[in-house]
Amino acid sequence: MGFNNFRSSNERHIRFTPESDKIIFPTEKPSEPEINYTPELAPGCYNSTFCEYVPNYPKEYVKHTIKNMEDLKYLSFVDESPEISQRIDLPEDDSLCTVDSTVIFPKSARNKQNEWLFIINENSFLQGVRIERCVAENTSCKLIEGFAEGYMTSCRQKFIYRQLAAITTNGTVGPDWFSFPSSCCCHVKFNGNPLQRIASARMSINNNNNN
C-alpha cells in the first residue's frame, strides 16, 4: 500500500468511490493515488535555485520516510544563524556589497544536473542552510576611496553546492548536491585604454621605488 493511502482494505460492502462513482466490490482494493515526485514551482521560485514553499509537497510520504529510515537522521543539520555568528565573530570591516544573510529550510532545490527535487524538511527532520544574497546585484561596489581610472566594479552573486537528503523523481530517498547562494563579491573589470593601464602600472612601480 502506498505511503499516502491510509484507507482500510477490509471493507465488507459494496460502495461507490466519490471520484468516479465506480463500484467497489468487497474483493477489490480501491485504487491508490500516484505520488508526483516532481516539484511544482511557485512563481517566486522561477529565478532561484531553491524554494521554501512547494504546492505539491508530499508531506505524508516525507513523514513516512523519516519514520522508517533510521540512517536518515545523520543527514539532518541546521547552519548557524547570522545573528549568532555576528555575536561570536570579531567586528568586521564594512562589506563592499550589501548582503542579506539568513537560514532557509528548502522544500525543493535544483541539483547539479539542473533537476528540481523535493528536499526532506519536516518538524522532526530539519535541513537548514545558511545563505547570503546580494541586495543589489550588478550595482557598483561600495568603495571608500575612488577606484583606479578605467576600472569598473559590480556586485556579483556567488553560489556553492551543499549536500541534502532529497527525493528523486522515481521516489527513492538519498543525498544529492544542490546549489545555494553563498556570498556577494565585488567584481572588478578594466574597461579603459590598455596603454593607460600599462602607464598606471609603471607609475605605481616608480613611486614605490622612490619611496
Protein backbone atom coordinates (compact mmCIF):
# COMPACT_ATOMS: atom_id res chain seq x y z
CA MET A 1 0.00 0.00 0.00
CA GLY A 2 1.30 3.48 -0.80
CA PHE A 3 2.68 5.83 1.83
CA ASN A 4 -0.17 8.32 1.44
CA ASN A 5 -3.07 5.86 1.36
CA PHE A 6 -4.49 5.07 4.78
CA ARG A 7 -7.92 3.79 3.78
CA SER A 8 -8.98 0.35 5.03
CA SER A 9 -8.81 -2.54 2.56
CA ASN A 10 -11.17 -4.75 4.61
CA GLU A 11 -14.48 -3.23 3.52
CA ARG A 12 -17.44 -5.59 3.81
CA HIS A 13 -19.97 -3.99 1.47
CA ILE A 14 -20.31 -2.53 -2.00
CA ARG A 15 -19.79 1.25 -2.24
CA PHE A 16 -19.09 3.99 -4.76
CA THR A 17 -15.88 5.99 -4.97
CA PRO A 18 -16.56 9.77 -4.81
CA GLU A 19 -14.14 10.44 -7.67
CA SER A 20 -15.72 8.40 -10.44
CA ASP A 21 -18.77 6.59 -8.95
CA LYS A 22 -17.08 3.30 -9.82
CA ILE A 23 -18.49 0.31 -7.92
CA ILE A 24 -16.00 -1.24 -5.48
CA PHE A 25 -16.70 -4.89 -4.59
CA PRO A 26 -15.55 -6.47 -1.29
CA THR A 27 -12.81 -8.45 -3.05
CA GLU A 28 -11.34 -5.38 -4.76
CA LYS A 29 -8.93 -2.82 -3.37
CA PRO A 30 -9.52 0.88 -4.03
CA SER A 31 -7.03 2.33 -6.50
CA GLU A 32 -4.10 4.10 -4.84
CA PRO A 33 -3.38 7.66 -5.97
CA GLU A 34 0.04 8.02 -7.51
CA ILE A 35 2.53 10.43 -5.96
CA ASN A 36 4.05 13.03 -8.24
CA TYR A 37 7.74 13.21 -7.33
CA THR A 38 8.41 16.30 -9.45
CA PRO A 39 8.08 19.61 -7.55
CA GLU A 40 5.72 22.29 -8.85
CA LEU A 41 7.49 25.63 -8.72
CA ALA A 42 5.76 28.58 -7.10
CA PRO A 43 6.00 31.81 -9.17
CA GLY A 44 8.50 33.32 -6.74
CA CYS A 45 10.96 30.46 -7.29
CA TYR A 46 11.44 30.67 -11.06
CA ASN A 47 14.60 32.78 -10.75
CA SER A 48 16.00 30.93 -7.74
CA THR A 49 17.86 27.67 -7.08
CA PHE A 50 15.62 26.66 -4.17
CA CYS A 51 12.05 27.05 -2.91
CA GLU A 52 10.69 27.06 0.64
CA TYR A 53 7.07 26.61 -0.44
CA VAL A 54 6.03 23.84 -2.85
CA PRO A 55 2.30 23.41 -3.70
CA ASN A 56 2.51 19.63 -4.22
CA TYR A 57 4.97 18.79 -1.43
CA PRO A 58 4.42 15.09 -0.46
CA LYS A 59 4.14 15.73 3.28
CA GLU A 60 2.75 12.30 4.27
CA TYR A 61 5.35 10.49 2.15
CA VAL A 62 8.10 12.54 3.79
CA LYS A 63 6.78 11.76 7.29
CA HIS A 64 6.67 8.06 6.48
CA THR A 65 10.23 8.19 5.11
CA ILE A 66 11.59 9.94 8.21
CA LYS A 67 9.89 7.38 10.46
CA ASN A 68 11.14 4.32 8.57
CA MET A 69 14.67 5.34 7.52
CA GLU A 70 16.85 5.31 10.64
CA ASP A 71 20.05 6.30 8.83
CA LEU A 72 18.39 9.45 7.50
CA LYS A 73 18.91 11.18 10.86
CA TYR A 74 22.64 11.52 10.14
CA LEU A 75 21.88 13.95 7.30
CA SER A 76 19.87 16.36 9.45
CA PHE A 77 21.56 19.72 10.18
CA VAL A 78 20.85 23.41 10.76
CA ASP A 79 23.52 26.00 9.98
CA GLU A 80 24.36 28.70 12.50
CA SER A 81 22.18 31.77 12.17
CA PRO A 82 23.79 35.08 11.06
CA GLU A 83 22.83 36.73 14.38
CA ILE A 84 24.80 34.19 16.42
CA SER A 85 27.81 34.43 14.09
CA GLN A 86 27.91 38.21 14.41
CA ARG A 87 27.93 37.96 18.22
CA ILE A 88 30.75 35.41 18.24
CA ASP A 89 32.98 36.72 15.45
CA LEU A 90 35.27 39.71 15.71
CA PRO A 91 33.95 43.00 14.30
CA GLU A 92 34.27 43.01 10.53
CA ASP A 93 35.04 45.80 8.12
CA ASP A 94 32.18 47.12 6.02
CA SER A 95 31.34 44.83 3.12
CA LEU A 96 31.88 46.15 -0.40
CA CYS A 97 28.43 44.76 -1.31
CA THR A 98 25.24 44.88 0.75
CA VAL A 99 24.03 41.36 1.58
CA ASP A 100 21.04 39.62 3.13
CA SER A 101 22.01 36.60 5.28
CA THR A 102 19.50 34.09 6.62
CA VAL A 103 18.93 30.38 7.29
CA ILE A 104 16.43 28.72 4.96
CA PHE A 105 14.64 25.36 5.09
CA PRO A 106 14.07 24.46 1.43
CA LYS A 107 11.27 22.12 0.34
CA SER A 108 12.75 21.83 -3.17
CA ALA A 109 16.06 22.74 -4.83
CA ARG A 110 17.98 22.42 -8.10
CA ASN A 111 20.81 19.86 -8.23
CA LYS A 112 23.99 19.67 -10.34
CA GLN A 113 22.03 18.03 -13.17
CA ASN A 114 19.71 21.07 -13.23
CA GLU A 115 16.84 18.93 -11.88
CA TRP A 116 14.37 20.18 -9.29
CA LEU A 117 13.89 17.64 -6.47
CA PHE A 118 11.91 17.55 -3.24
CA ILE A 119 14.05 18.18 -0.13
CA ILE A 120 13.29 16.29 3.09
CA ASN A 121 12.29 19.02 5.55
CA GLU A 122 9.74 18.44 8.31
CA ASN A 123 9.49 19.29 12.01
CA SER A 124 11.16 16.03 13.07
CA PHE A 125 13.90 16.26 10.43
CA LEU A 126 15.33 19.66 9.51
CA GLN A 127 17.91 20.73 6.95
CA GLY A 128 18.70 24.40 7.46
CA VAL A 129 21.06 26.10 5.00
CA ARG A 130 22.59 29.49 5.66
CA ILE A 131 22.56 31.62 2.51
CA GLU A 132 23.88 35.07 1.62
CA ARG A 133 22.28 37.04 -1.21
CA CYS A 134 23.21 40.28 -2.93
CA VAL A 135 20.72 43.01 -2.06
CA ALA A 136 21.57 44.92 -5.24
CA GLU A 137 23.31 42.59 -7.68
CA ASN A 138 25.16 44.13 -10.67
CA THR A 139 25.37 47.54 -9.00
CA SER A 140 28.69 49.25 -8.21
CA CYS A 141 30.59 48.15 -5.13
CA LYS A 142 30.78 50.44 -2.11
CA LEU A 143 34.26 51.97 -2.17
CA ILE A 144 35.51 54.43 0.44
CA GLU A 145 38.01 55.94 -1.97
CA GLY A 146 37.76 56.35 -5.73
CA PHE A 147 38.88 53.27 -7.66
CA ALA A 148 41.66 53.41 -10.26
CA GLU A 149 40.73 55.12 -13.51
CA GLY A 150 39.45 52.79 -16.23
CA TYR A 151 38.18 50.13 -13.83
CA MET A 152 34.54 49.28 -13.15
CA THR A 153 33.17 47.39 -10.15
CA SER A 154 29.97 45.40 -9.70
CA CYS A 155 28.45 43.15 -7.04
CA ARG A 156 28.12 39.52 -8.20
CA GLN A 157 26.22 36.66 -6.61
CA LYS A 158 28.27 33.54 -5.84
CA PHE A 159 26.89 30.03 -5.30
CA ILE A 160 28.01 26.88 -3.53
CA TYR A 161 26.85 23.25 -3.63
CA ARG A 162 25.51 21.70 -0.43
CA GLN A 163 24.56 18.07 0.18
CA LEU A 164 20.98 17.46 1.33
CA ALA A 165 18.65 14.47 1.68
CA ALA A 166 16.17 14.52 -1.19
CA ILE A 167 13.53 12.51 -3.06
CA THR A 168 14.43 11.51 -6.61
CA THR A 169 11.91 11.58 -9.45
CA ASN A 170 11.26 7.84 -9.00
CA GLY A 171 10.58 8.13 -5.27
CA THR A 172 13.86 6.90 -3.80
CA VAL A 173 15.47 8.90 -1.00
CA GLY A 174 19.15 9.77 -0.65
CA PRO A 175 21.75 12.57 -0.58
CA ASP A 176 22.32 14.88 -3.55
CA TRP A 177 24.14 18.16 -4.23
CA PHE A 178 22.18 21.40 -4.58
CA SER A 179 23.10 24.98 -5.47
CA PHE A 180 22.58 27.80 -2.94
CA PRO A 181 23.62 31.49 -2.90
CA SER A 182 26.66 31.70 -0.62
CA SER A 183 28.18 35.18 -0.91
CA CYS A 184 28.12 38.52 -2.73
CA CYS A 185 31.53 39.50 -4.11
CA CYS A 186 32.90 42.69 -5.64
CA HIS A 187 33.93 42.04 -9.25
CA VAL A 188 36.50 44.37 -10.84
CA LYS A 189 36.83 44.80 -14.61
CA PHE A 190 39.10 47.08 -16.67
CA ASN A 191 37.20 48.95 -19.40
CA GLY A 192 39.71 51.69 -20.20
CA ASN A 193 42.59 52.08 -22.66
CA PRO A 194 45.15 49.22 -22.31
CA LEU A 195 48.02 51.69 -22.78
CA GLN A 196 46.66 53.76 -19.93
CA ARG A 197 46.67 50.65 -17.77
CA ILE A 198 50.35 49.98 -18.55
CA ALA A 199 51.26 53.60 -17.82
CA SER A 200 49.45 53.48 -14.46
CA ALA A 201 51.31 50.30 -13.51
CA ARG A 202 54.69 51.83 -14.39
CA MET A 203 53.86 54.97 -12.43
CA SER A 204 52.96 52.88 -9.39
CA ILE A 205 56.28 50.98 -9.63
CA ASN A 206 58.26 54.21 -9.92
CA ASN A 207 56.51 55.69 -6.89
CA ASN A 208 57.32 52.60 -4.84
CA ASN A 209 60.97 52.72 -5.89
CA ASN A 210 61.25 56.40 -4.97
CA ASN A 211 59.82 55.70 -1.55
